[in-house]
Amino acid sequence: MSISDRYRDIYREVLTCRDGLANLPQEAAQATRSVNKGLEVLGEWVDQVGEIPRMNLEHKLTPVLLKAHNHLDRGRLLFEENGLEDQAATAWGLQQKIYRLLNDL
């Protein structure tokens, strides 16, 4: 699977994760905002990622992926603080996918 396909898969998974957060208690609002920020960061490049020449992928995508990873990490920690272990585990899984993609750049 290509880098751009993997990037788009991660974006879709974060989108699905975000959609699943709609019914969480108010205490999780800050964590949900962090996931939304991560989705926004990834969304900025989702249409353009396939057009980036292979030699520029690392340069262009690394800051985007790191920023999204940091937002998801913040959300994961907030989910854990609020006892939302399932959401924390989902965020952790997404972080791992981003990390693996970063390693392959």
PDB file of N, CA and C in Angstrom:
ATOM      1  N   MET A   1       0.847  -1.171   0.000  1.00  0.00           N
ATOM      2  CA  MET A   1       0.000   0.000   0.000  1.00  0.00           C
ATOM      3  C   MET A   1       0.896   1.239   0.000  1.00  0.00           C
ATOM      4  N   SER A   2       0.541   2.214  -0.800  1.00  0.00           N
ATOM      5  CA  SER A   2       1.362   3.417  -0.932  1.00  0.00           C
ATOM      6  C   SER A   2       1.234   4.314   0.303  1.00  0.00           C
ATOM      7  N   ILE A   3       2.168   5.221   0.425  1.00  0.00           N
ATOM      8  CA  ILE A   3       2.159   6.185   1.528  1.00  0.00           C
ATOM      9  C   ILE A   3       0.867   7.003   1.488  1.00  0.00           C
ATOM     10  N   SER A   4       0.492   7.461   0.304  1.00  0.00           N
ATOM     11  CA  SER A   4      -0.712   8.290   0.207  1.00  0.00           C
ATOM     12  C   SER A   4      -1.967   7.500   0.575  1.00  0.00           C
ATOM     13  N   ASP A   5      -2.029   6.238   0.209  1.00  0.00           N
ATOM     14  CA  ASP A   5      -3.176   5.403   0.590  1.00  0.00           C
ATOM     15  C   ASP A   5      -3.221   5.199   2.102  1.00  0.00           C
ATOM     16  N   ARG A   6      -2.082   4.963   2.687  1.00  0.00           N
ATOM     17  CA  ARG A   6      -2.017   4.782   4.141  1.00  0.00           C
ATOM     18  C   ARG A   6      -2.410   6.072   4.857  1.00  0.00           C
ATOM     19  N   TYR A   7      -1.954   7.206   4.340  1.00  0.00           N
ATOM     20  CA  TYR A   7      -2.292   8.506   4.915  1.00  0.00           C
ATOM     21  C   TYR A   7      -3.812   8.696   4.885  1.00  0.00           C
ATOM     22  N   ARG A   8      -4.414   8.421   3.735  1.00  0.00           N
ATOM     23  CA  ARG A   8      -5.865   8.577   3.605  1.00  0.00           C
ATOM     24  C   ARG A   8      -6.614   7.601   4.517  1.00  0.00           C
ATOM     25  N   ASP A   9      -6.090   6.396   4.685  1.00  0.00           N
ATOM     26  CA  ASP A   9      -6.699   5.433   5.608  1.00  0.00           C
ATOM     27  C   ASP A   9      -6.668   5.960   7.042  1.00  0.00           C
ATOM     28  N   ILE A  10      -5.546   6.520   7.430  1.00  0.00           N
ATOM     29  CA  ILE A  10      -5.440   7.093   8.776  1.00  0.00           C
ATOM     30  C   ILE A  10      -6.450   8.230   8.935  1.00  0.00           C
ATOM     31  N   TYR A  11      -6.539   9.082   7.929  1.00  0.00           N
ATOM     32  CA  TYR A  11      -7.509  10.180   7.983  1.00  0.00           C
ATOM     33  C   TYR A  11      -8.922   9.634   8.176  1.00  0.00           C
ATOM     34  N   ARG A  12      -9.302   8.627   7.398  1.00  0.00           N
ATOM     35  CA  ARG A  12     -10.644   8.047   7.507  1.00  0.00           C
ATOM     36  C   ARG A  12     -10.869   7.424   8.888  1.00  0.00           C
ATOM     37  N   GLU A  13      -9.846   6.800   9.439  1.00  0.00           N
ATOM     38  CA  GLU A  13      -9.986   6.196  10.765  1.00  0.00           C
ATOM     39  C   GLU A  13     -10.144   7.262  11.844  1.00  0.00           C
ATOM     40  N   VAL A  14      -9.408   8.359  11.727  1.00  0.00           N
ATOM     41  CA  VAL A  14      -9.561   9.445  12.697  1.00  0.00           C
ATOM     42  C   VAL A  14     -10.956  10.066  12.543  1.00  0.00           C
ATOM     43  N   LEU A  15     -11.434  10.187  11.317  1.00  0.00           N
ATOM     44  CA  LEU A  15     -12.781  10.697  11.070  1.00  0.00           C
ATOM     45  C   LEU A  15     -13.821   9.789  11.722  1.00  0.00           C
ATOM     46  N   THR A  16     -13.670   8.486  11.570  1.00  0.00           N
ATOM     47  CA  THR A  16     -14.580   7.528  12.190  1.00  0.00           C
ATOM     48  C   THR A  16     -14.509   7.633  13.709  1.00  0.00           C
ATOM     49  N   CYS A  17     -13.306   7.771  14.228  1.00  0.00           N
ATOM     50  CA  CYS A  17     -13.119   7.939  15.672  1.00  0.00           C
ATOM     51  C   CYS A  17     -13.845   9.186  16.155  1.00  0.00           C
ATOM     52  N   ARG A  18     -13.657  10.285  15.449  1.00  0.00           N
ATOM     53  CA  ARG A  18     -14.300  11.545  15.823  1.00  0.00           C
ATOM     54  C   ARG A  18     -15.824  11.409  15.798  1.00  0.00           C
ATOM     55  N   ASP A  19     -16.345  10.756  14.779  1.00  0.00           N
ATOM     56  CA  ASP A  19     -17.794  10.572  14.681  1.00  0.00           C
ATOM     57  C   ASP A  19     -18.342   9.752  15.850  1.00  0.00           C
ATOM     58  N   GLY A  20     -17.534   8.847  16.367  1.00  0.00           N
ATOM     59  CA  GLY A  20     -17.951   8.022  17.491  1.00  0.00           C
ATOM     60  C   GLY A  20     -17.901   8.733  18.826  1.00  0.00           C
ATOM     61  N   LEU A  21     -17.395   9.953  18.847  1.00  0.00           N
ATOM     62  CA  LEU A  21     -17.261  10.699  20.097  1.00  0.00           C
ATOM     63  C   LEU A  21     -18.458  11.609  20.377  1.00  0.00           C
ATOM     64  N   ALA A  22     -19.436  11.591  19.503  1.00  0.00           N
ATOM     65  CA  ALA A  22     -20.554  12.535  19.598  1.00  0.00           C
ATOM     66  C   ALA A  22     -21.360  12.408  20.891  1.00  0.00           C
ATOM     67  N   ASN A  23     -21.463  11.228  21.437  1.00  0.00           N
ATOM     68  CA  ASN A  23     -22.327  11.019  22.602  1.00  0.00           C
ATOM     69  C   ASN A  23     -21.573  10.931  23.920  1.00  0.00           C
ATOM     70  N   LEU A  24     -20.354  11.428  23.948  1.00  0.00           N
ATOM     71  CA  LEU A  24     -19.576  11.361  25.185  1.00  0.00           C
ATOM     72  C   LEU A  24     -20.026  12.442  26.165  1.00  0.00           C
ATOM     73  N   PRO A  25     -19.770  12.223  27.454  1.00  0.00           N
ATOM     74  CA  PRO A  25     -20.133  13.233  28.447  1.00  0.00           C
ATOM     75  C   PRO A  25     -19.346  14.525  28.247  1.00  0.00           C
ATOM     76  N   GLN A  26     -19.859  15.590  28.807  1.00  0.00           N
ATOM     77  CA  GLN A  26     -19.251  16.918  28.674  1.00  0.00           C
ATOM     78  C   GLN A  26     -17.797  16.941  29.158  1.00  0.00           C
ATOM     79  N   GLU A  27     -17.456  16.091  30.122  1.00  0.00           N
ATOM     80  CA  GLU A  27     -16.089  16.064  30.645  1.00  0.00           C
ATOM     81  C   GLU A  27     -15.071  15.711  29.567  1.00  0.00           C
ATOM     82  N   ALA A  28     -15.527  15.063  28.519  1.00  0.00           N
ATOM     83  CA  ALA A  28     -14.622  14.644  27.446  1.00  0.00           C
ATOM     84  C   ALA A  28     -14.535  15.664  26.316  1.00  0.00           C
ATOM     85  N   ALA A  29     -15.113  16.830  26.498  1.00  0.00           N
ATOM     86  CA  ALA A  29     -15.142  17.830  25.429  1.00  0.00           C
ATOM     87  C   ALA A  29     -13.742  18.253  25.004  1.00  0.00           C
ATOM     88  N   GLN A  30     -12.854  18.438  25.958  1.00  0.00           N
ATOM     89  CA  GLN A  30     -11.498  18.859  25.616  1.00  0.00           C
ATOM     90  C   GLN A  30     -10.765  17.761  24.837  1.00  0.00           C
ATOM     91  N   ALA A  31     -10.966  16.523  25.218  1.00  0.00           N
ATOM     92  CA  ALA A  31     -10.347  15.404  24.494  1.00  0.00           C
ATOM     93  C   ALA A  31     -10.907  15.329  23.079  1.00  0.00           C
ATOM     94  N   THR A  32     -12.199  15.527  22.937  1.00  0.00           N
ATOM     95  CA  THR A  32     -12.823  15.509  21.619  1.00  0.00           C
ATOM     96  C   THR A  32     -12.276  16.628  20.746  1.00  0.00           C
ATOM     97  N   ARG A  33     -12.056  17.800  21.336  1.00  0.00           N
ATOM     98  CA  ARG A  33     -11.454  18.915  20.573  1.00  0.00           C
ATOM     99  C   ARG A  33     -10.063  18.562  20.087  1.00  0.00           C
ATOM    100  N   SER A  34      -9.300  17.849  20.892  1.00  0.00           N
ATOM    101  CA  SER A  34      -7.960  17.438  20.469  1.00  0.00           C
ATOM    102  C   SER A  34      -8.023  16.494  19.275  1.00  0.00           C
ATOM    103  N   VAL A  35      -8.969  15.556  19.313  1.00  0.00           N
ATOM    104  CA  VAL A  35      -9.143  14.644  18.173  1.00  0.00           C
ATOM    105  C   VAL A  35      -9.565  15.438  16.942  1.00  0.00           C
ATOM    106  N   ASN A  36     -10.464  16.405  17.115  1.00  0.00           N
ATOM    107  CA  ASN A  36     -10.890  17.248  15.998  1.00  0.00           C
ATOM    108  C   ASN A  36      -9.717  18.023  15.396  1.00  0.00           C
ATOM    109  N   LYS A  37      -8.843  18.533  16.251  1.00  0.00           N
ATOM    110  CA  LYS A  37      -7.662  19.252  15.753  1.00  0.00           C
ATOM    111  C   LYS A  37      -6.755  18.326  14.959  1.00  0.00           C
ATOM    112  N   GLY A  38      -6.573  17.114  15.451  1.00  0.00           N
ATOM    113  CA  GLY A  38      -5.775  16.138  14.714  1.00  0.00           C
ATOM    114  C   GLY A  38      -6.381  15.833  13.360  1.00  0.00           C
ATOM    115  N   LEU A  39      -7.697  15.720  13.316  1.00  0.00           N
ATOM    116  CA  LEU A  39      -8.396  15.469  12.057  1.00  0.00           C
ATOM    117  C   LEU A  39      -8.226  16.649  11.098  1.00  0.00           C
ATOM    118  N   GLU A  40      -8.319  17.855  11.616  1.00  0.00           N
ATOM    119  CA  GLU A  40      -8.137  19.042  10.779  1.00  0.00           C
ATOM    120  C   GLU A  40      -6.734  19.085  10.174  1.00  0.00           C
ATOM    121  N   VAL A  41      -5.744  18.776  10.990  1.00  0.00           N
ATOM    122  CA  VAL A  41      -4.358  18.787  10.519  1.00  0.00           C
ATOM    123  C   VAL A  41      -4.186  17.780   9.384  1.00  0.00           C
ATOM    124  N   LEU A  42      -4.692  16.581   9.584  1.00  0.00           N
ATOM    125  CA  LEU A  42      -4.581  15.554   8.546  1.00  0.00           C
ATOM    126  C   LEU A  42      -5.407  15.927   7.315  1.00  0.00           C
ATOM    127  N   GLY A  43      -6.560  16.543   7.533  1.00  0.00           N
ATOM    128  CA  GLY A  43      -7.455  16.888   6.438  1.00  0.00           C
ATOM    129  C   GLY A  43      -6.884  17.902   5.471  1.00  0.00           C
ATOM    130  N   GLU A  44      -5.956  18.717   5.948  1.00  0.00           N
ATOM    131  CA  GLU A  44      -5.352  19.735   5.087  1.00  0.00           C
ATOM    132  C   GLU A  44      -4.588  19.119   3.923  1.00  0.00           C
ATOM    133  N   TRP A  45      -4.119  17.897   4.094  1.00  0.00           N
ATOM    134  CA  TRP A  45      -3.286  17.256   3.064  1.00  0.00           C
ATOM    135  C   TRP A  45      -3.936  16.037   2.416  1.00  0.00           C
ATOM    136  N   VAL A  46      -5.125  15.670   2.859  1.00  0.00           N
ATOM    137  CA  VAL A  46      -5.715  14.419   2.395  1.00  0.00           C
ATOM    138  C   VAL A  46      -5.928  14.402   0.876  1.00  0.00           C
ATOM    139  N   ASP A  47      -6.275  15.525   0.286  1.00  0.00           N
ATOM    140  CA  ASP A  47      -6.484  15.571  -1.164  1.00  0.00           C
ATOM    141  C   ASP A  47      -5.180  15.716  -1.938  1.00  0.00           C
ATOM    142  N   GLN A  48      -4.183  16.332  -1.321  1.00  0.00           N
ATOM    143  CA  GLN A  48      -2.936  16.629  -2.015  1.00  0.00           C
ATOM    144  C   GLN A  48      -1.872  15.553  -1.860  1.00  0.00           C
ATOM    145  N   VAL A  49      -2.044  14.650  -0.922  1.00  0.00           N
ATOM    146  CA  VAL A  49      -0.978  13.707  -0.585  1.00  0.00           C
ATOM    147  C   VAL A  49      -0.537  12.861  -1.774  1.00  0.00           C
ATOM    148  N   GLY A  50      -1.437  12.522  -2.652  1.00  0.00           N
ATOM    149  CA  GLY A  50      -1.083  11.704  -3.810  1.00  0.00           C
ATOM    150  C   GLY A  50      -0.286  12.452  -4.865  1.00  0.00           C
ATOM    151  N   GLU A  51      -0.292  13.780  -4.786  1.00  0.00           N
ATOM    152  CA  GLU A  51       0.404  14.603  -5.759  1.00  0.00           C
ATOM    153  C   GLU A  51       1.825  14.969  -5.330  1.00  0.00           C
ATOM    154  N   ILE A  52       2.181  14.642  -4.105  1.00  0.00           N
ATOM    155  CA  ILE A  52       3.510  14.984  -3.598  1.00  0.00           C
ATOM    156  C   ILE A  52       4.519  14.002  -4.176  1.00  0.00           C
ATOM    157  N   PRO A  53       5.564  14.505  -4.829  1.00  0.00           N
ATOM    158  CA  PRO A  53       6.596  13.593  -5.350  1.00  0.00           C
ATOM    159  C   PRO A  53       7.228  12.786  -4.216  1.00  0.00           C
ATOM    160  N   ARG A  54       7.563  11.550  -4.490  1.00  0.00           N
ATOM    161  CA  ARG A  54       8.107  10.628  -3.480  1.00  0.00           C
ATOM    162  C   ARG A  54       9.275  11.245  -2.708  1.00  0.00           C
ATOM    163  N   MET A  55      10.129  11.971  -3.405  1.00  0.00           N
ATOM    164  CA  MET A  55      11.308  12.537  -2.732  1.00  0.00           C
ATOM    165  C   MET A  55      10.947  13.665  -1.765  1.00  0.00           C
ATOM    166  N   ASN A  56       9.742  14.211  -1.854  1.00  0.00           N
ATOM    167  CA  ASN A  56       9.321  15.292  -0.958  1.00  0.00           C
ATOM    168  C   ASN A  56       8.366  14.837   0.134  1.00  0.00           C
ATOM    169  N   LEU A  57       7.975  13.572   0.106  1.00  0.00           N
ATOM    170  CA  LEU A  57       6.997  13.087   1.081  1.00  0.00           C
ATOM    171  C   LEU A  57       7.450  13.301   2.521  1.00  0.00           C
ATOM    172  N   GLU A  58       8.660  12.928   2.817  1.00  0.00           N
ATOM    173  CA  GLU A  58       9.142  13.055   4.191  1.00  0.00           C
ATOM    174  C   GLU A  58       9.120  14.509   4.636  1.00  0.00           C
ATOM    175  N   HIS A  59       9.616  15.383   3.790  1.00  0.00           N
ATOM    176  CA  HIS A  59       9.688  16.805   4.110  1.00  0.00           C
ATOM    177  C   HIS A  59       8.295  17.411   4.324  1.00  0.00           C
ATOM    178  N   LYS A  60       7.338  17.038   3.493  1.00  0.00           N
ATOM    179  CA  LYS A  60       6.001  17.626   3.555  1.00  0.00           C
ATOM    180  C   LYS A  60       5.132  16.998   4.645  1.00  0.00           C
ATOM    181  N   LEU A  61       5.199  15.679   4.788  1.00  0.00           N
ATOM    182  CA  LEU A  61       4.261  14.990   5.676  1.00  0.00           C
ATOM    183  C   LEU A  61       4.719  14.853   7.118  1.00  0.00           C
ATOM    184  N   THR A  62       6.008  14.839   7.366  1.00  0.00           N
ATOM    185  CA  THR A  62       6.483  14.636   8.735  1.00  0.00           C
ATOM    186  C   THR A  62       5.910  15.668   9.703  1.00  0.00           C
ATOM    187  N   PRO A  63       5.970  16.967   9.407  1.00  0.00           N
ATOM    188  CA  PRO A  63       5.399  17.921  10.374  1.00  0.00           C
ATOM    189  C   PRO A  63       3.889  17.742  10.567  1.00  0.00           C
ATOM    190  N   VAL A  64       3.188  17.400   9.502  1.00  0.00           N
ATOM    191  CA  VAL A  64       1.743  17.198   9.578  1.00  0.00           C
ATOM    192  C   VAL A  64       1.432  15.990  10.461  1.00  0.00           C
ATOM    193  N   LEU A  65       2.126  14.894  10.222  1.00  0.00           N
ATOM    194  CA  LEU A  65       1.880  13.678  10.994  1.00  0.00           C
ATOM    195  C   LEU A  65       2.264  13.856  12.460  1.00  0.00           C
ATOM    196  N   LEU A  66       3.356  14.551  12.718  1.00  0.00           N
ATOM    197  CA  LEU A  66       3.760  14.794  14.106  1.00  0.00           C
ATOM    198  C   LEU A  66       2.738  15.655  14.840  1.00  0.00           C
ATOM    199  N   LYS A  67       2.235  16.665  14.165  1.00  0.00           N
ATOM    200  CA  LYS A  67       1.244  17.536  14.780  1.00  0.00           C
ATOM    201  C   LYS A  67      -0.043  16.764  15.074  1.00  0.00           C
ATOM    202  N   ALA A  68      -0.498  15.967  14.114  1.00  0.00           N
ATOM    203  CA  ALA A  68      -1.698  15.155  14.327  1.00  0.00           C
ATOM    204  C   ALA A  68      -1.479  14.154  15.461  1.00  0.00           C
ATOM    205  N   HIS A  69      -0.298  13.536  15.484  1.00  0.00           N
ATOM    206  CA  HIS A  69       0.043  12.581  16.541  1.00  0.00           C
ATOM    207  C   HIS A  69      -0.031  13.263  17.908  1.00  0.00           C
ATOM    208  N   ASN A  70       0.500  14.477  18.007  1.00  0.00           N
ATOM    209  CA  ASN A  70       0.484  15.196  19.279  1.00  0.00           C
ATOM    210  C   ASN A  70      -0.938  15.521  19.730  1.00  0.00           C
ATOM    211  N   HIS A  71      -1.804  15.919  18.798  1.00  0.00           N
ATOM    212  CA  HIS A  71      -3.202  16.194  19.153  1.00  0.00           C
ATOM    213  C   HIS A  71      -3.897  14.924  19.635  1.00  0.00           C
ATOM    214  N   LEU A  72      -3.655  13.823  18.932  1.00  0.00           N
ATOM    215  CA  LEU A  72      -4.265  12.560  19.352  1.00  0.00           C
ATOM    216  C   LEU A  72      -3.726  12.101  20.702  1.00  0.00           C
ATOM    217  N   ASP A  73      -2.442  12.351  20.945  1.00  0.00           N
ATOM    218  CA  ASP A  73      -1.855  11.981  22.228  1.00  0.00           C
ATOM    219  C   ASP A  73      -2.494  12.780  23.360  1.00  0.00           C
ATOM    220  N   ARG A  74      -2.680  14.059  23.133  1.00  0.00           N
ATOM    221  CA  ARG A  74      -3.327  14.908  24.132  1.00  0.00           C
ATOM    222  C   ARG A  74      -4.754  14.396  24.389  1.00  0.00           C
ATOM    223  N   GLY A  75      -5.459  14.071  23.318  1.00  0.00           N
ATOM    224  CA  GLY A  75      -6.804  13.532  23.472  1.00  0.00           C
ATOM    225  C   GLY A  75      -6.812  12.219  24.229  1.00  0.00           C
ATOM    226  N   ARG A  76      -5.854  11.351  23.907  1.00  0.00           N
ATOM    227  CA  ARG A  76      -5.769  10.052  24.588  1.00  0.00           C
ATOM    228  C   ARG A  76      -5.572  10.239  26.089  1.00  0.00           C
ATOM    229  N   LEU A  77      -4.684  11.128  26.456  1.00  0.00           N
ATOM    230  CA  LEU A  77      -4.430  11.370  27.878  1.00  0.00           C
ATOM    231  C   LEU A  77      -5.667  11.924  28.580  1.00  0.00           C
ATOM    232  N   LEU A  78      -6.381  12.793  27.902  1.00  0.00           N
ATOM    233  CA  LEU A  78      -7.601  13.345  28.490  1.00  0.00           C
ATOM    234  C   LEU A  78      -8.694  12.284  28.590  1.00  0.00           C
ATOM    235  N   PHE A  79      -8.788  11.412  27.606  1.00  0.00           N
ATOM    236  CA  PHE A  79      -9.742  10.306  27.696  1.00  0.00           C
ATOM    237  C   PHE A  79      -9.411   9.437  28.903  1.00  0.00           C
ATOM    238  N   GLU A  80      -8.129   9.137  29.084  1.00  0.00           N
ATOM    239  CA  GLU A  80      -7.727   8.309  30.229  1.00  0.00           C
ATOM    240  C   GLU A  80      -8.076   8.985  31.547  1.00  0.00           C
ATOM    241  N   GLU A  81      -7.840  10.301  31.625  1.00  0.00           N
ATOM    242  CA  GLU A  81      -8.163  11.035  32.856  1.00  0.00           C
ATOM    243  C   GLU A  81      -9.644  10.965  33.183  1.00  0.00           C
ATOM    244  N   ASN A  82     -10.469  10.896  32.150  1.00  0.00           N
ATOM    245  CA  ASN A  82     -11.919  10.850  32.340  1.00  0.00           C
ATOM    246  C   ASN A  82     -12.468   9.427  32.391  1.00  0.00           C
ATOM    247  N   GLY A  83     -11.595   8.423  32.426  1.00  0.00           N
ATOM    248  CA  GLY A  83     -12.019   7.045  32.545  1.00  0.00           C
ATOM    249  C   GLY A  83     -12.627   6.464  31.282  1.00  0.00           C
ATOM    250  N   LEU A  84     -12.334   7.065  30.139  1.00  0.00           N
ATOM    251  CA  LEU A  84     -12.864   6.595  28.857  1.00  0.00           C
ATOM    252  C   LEU A  84     -11.807   5.734  28.176  1.00  0.00           C
ATOM    253  N   GLU A  85     -11.657   4.529  28.700  1.00  0.00           N
ATOM    254  CA  GLU A  85     -10.581   3.644  28.258  1.00  0.00           C
ATOM    255  C   GLU A  85     -10.728   3.198  26.802  1.00  0.00           C
ATOM    256  N   ASP A  86     -11.948   2.968  26.343  1.00  0.00           N
ATOM    257  CA  ASP A  86     -12.139   2.540  24.955  1.00  0.00           C
ATOM    258  C   ASP A  86     -11.692   3.620  23.983  1.00  0.00           C
ATOM    259  N   GLN A  87     -12.050   4.859  24.268  1.00  0.00           N
ATOM    260  CA  GLN A  87     -11.642   5.965  23.407  1.00  0.00           C
ATOM    261  C   GLN A  87     -10.132   6.184  23.482  1.00  0.00           C
ATOM    262  N   ALA A  88      -9.569   6.013  24.661  1.00  0.00           N
ATOM    263  CA  ALA A  88      -8.112   6.141  24.815  1.00  0.00           C
ATOM    264  C   ALA A  88      -7.399   5.067  24.008  1.00  0.00           C
ATOM    265  N   ALA A  89      -7.932   3.858  24.021  1.00  0.00           N
ATOM    266  CA  ALA A  89      -7.316   2.767  23.255  1.00  0.00           C
ATOM    267  C   ALA A  89      -7.414   3.029  21.751  1.00  0.00           C
ATOM    268  N   THR A  90      -8.533   3.576  21.309  1.00  0.00           N
ATOM    269  CA  THR A  90      -8.688   3.910  19.893  1.00  0.00           C
ATOM    270  C   THR A  90      -7.678   4.976  19.487  1.00  0.00           C
ATOM    271  N   ALA A  91      -7.548   6.013  20.308  1.00  0.00           N
ATOM    272  CA  ALA A  91      -6.583   7.074  20.012  1.00  0.00           C
ATOM    273  C   ALA A  91      -5.162   6.505  19.987  1.00  0.00           C
ATOM    274  N   TRP A  92      -4.858   5.593  20.903  1.00  0.00           N
ATOM    275  CA  TRP A  92      -3.537   4.974  20.943  1.00  0.00           C
ATOM    276  C   TRP A  92      -3.270   4.192  19.661  1.00  0.00           C
ATOM    277  N   GLY A  93      -4.250   3.451  19.200  1.00  0.00           N
ATOM    278  CA  GLY A  93      -4.100   2.699  17.952  1.00  0.00           C
ATOM    279  C   GLY A  93      -3.836   3.615  16.769  1.00  0.00           C
ATOM    280  N   LEU A  94      -4.523   4.741  16.724  1.00  0.00           N
ATOM    281  CA  LEU A  94      -4.302   5.706  15.649  1.00  0.00           C
ATOM    282  C   LEU A  94      -2.903   6.318  15.744  1.00  0.00           C
ATOM    283  N   GLN A  95      -2.472   6.595  16.952  1.00  0.00           N
ATOM    284  CA  GLN A  95      -1.115   7.110  17.138  1.00  0.00           C
ATOM    285  C   GLN A  95      -0.079   6.123  16.610  1.00  0.00           C
ATOM    286  N   GLN A  96      -0.296   4.849  16.874  1.00  0.00           N
ATOM    287  CA  GLN A  96       0.645   3.834  16.415  1.00  0.00           C
ATOM    288  C   GLN A  96       0.697   3.764  14.891  1.00  0.00           C
ATOM    289  N   LYS A  97      -0.457   3.910  14.241  1.00  0.00           N
ATOM    290  CA  LYS A  97      -0.476   3.904  12.778  1.00  0.00           C
ATOM    291  C   LYS A  97       0.279   5.108  12.220  1.00  0.00           C
ATOM    292  N   ILE A  98       0.095   6.250  12.847  1.00  0.00           N
ATOM    293  CA  ILE A  98       0.829   7.446  12.403  1.00  0.00           C
ATOM    294  C   ILE A  98       2.324   7.230  12.599  1.00  0.00           C
ATOM    295  N   TYR A  99       2.691   6.679  13.730  1.00  0.00           N
ATOM    296  CA  TYR A  99       4.111   6.437  14.019  1.00  0.00           C
ATOM    297  C   TYR A  99       4.729   5.488  12.995  1.00  0.00           C
ATOM    298  N   ARG A 100       4.009   4.431  12.656  1.00  0.00           N
ATOM    299  CA  ARG A 100       4.530   3.491  11.644  1.00  0.00           C
ATOM    300  C   ARG A 100       4.672   4.156  10.291  1.00  0.00           C
ATOM    301  N   LEU A 101       3.724   5.006   9.926  1.00  0.00           N
ATOM    302  CA  LEU A 101       3.830   5.729   8.666  1.00  0.00           C
ATOM    303  C   LEU A 101       5.022   6.678   8.691  1.00  0.00           C
ATOM    304  N   LEU A 102       5.243   7.345   9.802  1.00  0.00           N
ATOM    305  CA  LEU A 102       6.419   8.211   9.931  1.00  0.00           C
ATOM    306  C   LEU A 102       7.700   7.419   9.744  1.00  0.00           C
ATOM    307  N   ASN A 103       7.771   6.236  10.300  1.00  0.00           N
ATOM    308  CA  ASN A 103       8.963   5.412  10.164  1.00  0.00           C
ATOM    309  C   ASN A 103       9.210   4.983   8.732  1.00  0.00           C
ATOM    310  N   ASP A 104       8.132   4.866   7.946  1.00  0.00           N
ATOM    311  CA  ASP A 104       8.285   4.431   6.564  1.00  0.00           C
ATOM    312  C   ASP A 104       8.576   5.572   5.591  1.00  0.00           C
ATOM    313  N   LEU A 105       8.490   6.795   6.060  1.00  0.00           N
ATOM    314  CA  LEU A 105       8.781   7.925   5.156  1.00  0.00           C
ATOM    315  C   LEU A 105      10.253   8.006   4.834  1.00  0.00           C
TER     316      LEU A 105
END
